[in-house]
Protein backbone atom coordinates (compact mmCIF):
# COMPACT_ATOMS: atom_id res chain seq x y z
CA MET A 1 15.17 -67.07 -2.16
CA SER A 2 13.25 -70.26 -1.19
CA VAL A 3 12.98 -72.12 1.85
CA SER A 4 16.04 -74.07 2.59
CA PRO A 5 17.56 -76.18 5.72
CA ASP A 6 19.77 -73.16 7.03
CA HIS A 7 16.38 -70.96 6.58
CA PRO A 8 13.32 -72.83 7.33
CA TYR A 9 10.99 -70.10 7.35
CA SER A 10 9.00 -68.45 4.38
CA PRO A 11 10.85 -65.34 2.81
CA ALA A 12 7.39 -63.80 2.61
CA LYS A 13 3.79 -65.05 3.74
CA PRO A 14 0.55 -63.93 2.55
CA ALA A 15 -2.44 -63.64 5.09
CA GLY A 16 -5.84 -62.24 3.87
CA ASN A 17 -4.89 -59.00 2.23
CA HIS A 18 -1.45 -58.44 3.84
CA ILE A 19 1.99 -59.97 2.87
CA TYR A 20 4.37 -60.60 5.77
CA VAL A 21 8.11 -60.07 4.88
CA SER A 22 10.79 -61.91 6.91
CA GLY A 23 13.64 -60.02 7.77
CA ALA A 24 16.22 -59.35 4.78
CA LEU A 25 19.73 -58.58 5.72
CA SER A 26 22.40 -56.41 4.09
CA VAL A 27 24.09 -59.10 2.55
CA ASP A 28 25.09 -60.19 -1.04
CA LYS A 29 23.81 -63.60 -3.00
CA ASP A 30 26.71 -65.16 -1.02
CA TYR A 31 25.40 -63.93 2.38
CA GLN A 32 28.57 -61.43 2.66
CA PRO A 33 27.98 -58.13 4.47
CA VAL A 34 27.54 -55.26 1.99
CA GLY A 35 30.02 -52.40 3.31
CA GLY A 36 29.04 -48.62 3.09
CA ARG A 37 26.41 -46.82 4.80
CA ARG A 38 23.91 -46.04 2.16
CA GLU A 39 25.19 -49.51 0.16
CA ALA A 40 24.34 -51.63 3.38
CA LEU A 41 20.72 -49.98 3.54
CA ASP A 42 20.15 -50.51 -0.14
CA ALA A 43 21.29 -54.05 -0.11
CA ALA A 44 18.58 -54.69 2.62
CA LEU A 45 15.81 -52.83 0.74
CA ASP A 46 16.78 -54.71 -2.14
CA ARG A 47 16.58 -58.09 -0.29
CA MET A 48 13.61 -57.47 1.25
CA THR A 49 11.96 -56.01 -2.21
CA GLU A 50 12.75 -59.67 -3.61
CA ARG A 51 11.41 -61.47 -0.95
CA LEU A 52 8.03 -59.42 -1.27
CA ALA A 53 8.06 -60.27 -5.00
CA THR A 54 8.23 -64.05 -4.22
CA VAL A 55 4.42 -63.80 -3.50
CA GLY A 56 3.80 -61.39 -6.10
CA GLY A 57 4.07 -57.95 -3.80
CA ARG A 58 5.37 -54.78 -4.94
CA VAL A 59 6.83 -51.66 -3.21
CA GLU A 60 4.00 -49.53 -3.72
CA GLN A 61 2.02 -51.96 -1.58
CA LEU A 62 4.35 -51.60 1.51
CA VAL A 63 2.45 -50.18 4.48
CA LYS A 64 4.90 -50.59 7.35
CA LEU A 65 8.89 -51.35 7.40
CA VAL A 66 11.03 -51.91 10.63
CA TYR A 67 14.82 -51.13 10.18
CA TYR A 68 17.18 -53.13 12.67
CA VAL A 69 20.75 -51.11 12.43
CA THR A 70 23.68 -51.98 14.36
CA ASP A 71 24.42 -48.12 13.99
CA VAL A 72 21.34 -45.80 14.75
CA SER A 73 23.27 -42.95 12.99
CA LEU A 74 22.43 -44.69 9.81
CA ARG A 75 18.98 -42.72 10.28
CA GLU A 76 19.69 -39.82 7.94
CA GLU A 77 20.53 -42.24 5.23
CA ALA A 78 17.52 -44.45 5.62
CA ASN A 79 15.47 -41.31 5.61
CA GLN A 80 17.03 -40.26 2.25
CA GLN A 81 16.65 -43.79 1.06
CA PHE A 82 12.66 -43.38 1.76
CA GLU A 83 12.93 -40.37 -0.20
CA ASP A 84 14.72 -41.82 -3.01
CA ARG A 85 12.94 -45.32 -3.38
CA LEU A 86 9.89 -45.27 -1.27
CA SER A 87 7.99 -41.96 -1.55
CA ALA A 88 5.21 -43.22 -3.51
CA ALA A 89 4.38 -46.21 -1.17
CA ARG A 90 5.49 -43.87 1.85
CA PRO A 91 5.10 -46.54 4.47
CA ALA A 92 5.25 -46.32 8.13
CA ARG A 93 8.49 -46.92 9.59
CA THR A 94 10.28 -48.21 12.93
CA PHE A 95 14.13 -47.90 13.39
CA VAL A 96 15.44 -50.03 16.05
CA GLY A 97 19.17 -50.14 17.15
CA VAL A 98 20.34 -53.53 17.96
CA PRO A 99 24.00 -54.89 19.25
CA ASP A 100 24.40 -57.33 16.29
CA LEU A 101 22.88 -58.99 12.97
CA PRO A 102 23.35 -62.51 11.46
CA TYR A 103 26.29 -62.73 8.82
CA GLY A 104 27.78 -59.59 9.97
CA ALA A 105 25.02 -57.57 8.41
CA SER A 106 24.48 -53.78 9.69
CA VAL A 107 20.96 -53.50 8.42
CA GLU A 108 17.96 -55.64 8.58
CA ILE A 109 14.47 -54.92 7.13
CA ASP A 110 11.29 -56.83 7.50
CA ALA A 111 7.99 -55.49 5.94
CA ILE A 112 4.20 -55.58 5.57
CA ALA A 113 2.48 -54.94 2.58
CA TYR A 114 -1.37 -54.67 1.77
CA VAL A 115 -2.85 -55.94 -1.28
CA GLU A 116 -6.28 -54.59 -2.23
CA GLU A 117 -8.98 -57.40 -3.38
CA GLY A 118 -9.84 -57.09 -6.83
């Protein structure tokens, strides 16, 4: 994903030893919302991982994630997702309920990664 007229911000932005990743939604490549609870969580995490990779970042470098969800009962599935996909990085996480998200998505994830010098 690159900067576009619809999305004039950077998908991910390095700053010093950190990478700040813009919010990634639970949508497919055509911006259609992904259905299903775990499927939506995985789609948002996949989009976030793709954005992180645009500047050479990796999941193992994640230090903080913020989940914005339209249904806070997704917390248990999000915890399972952490165990399944983020156990090596074990980043900090914030889980926030919101009334709605762009494109009808049910999940949005933003992130901060730390890249060691060297």
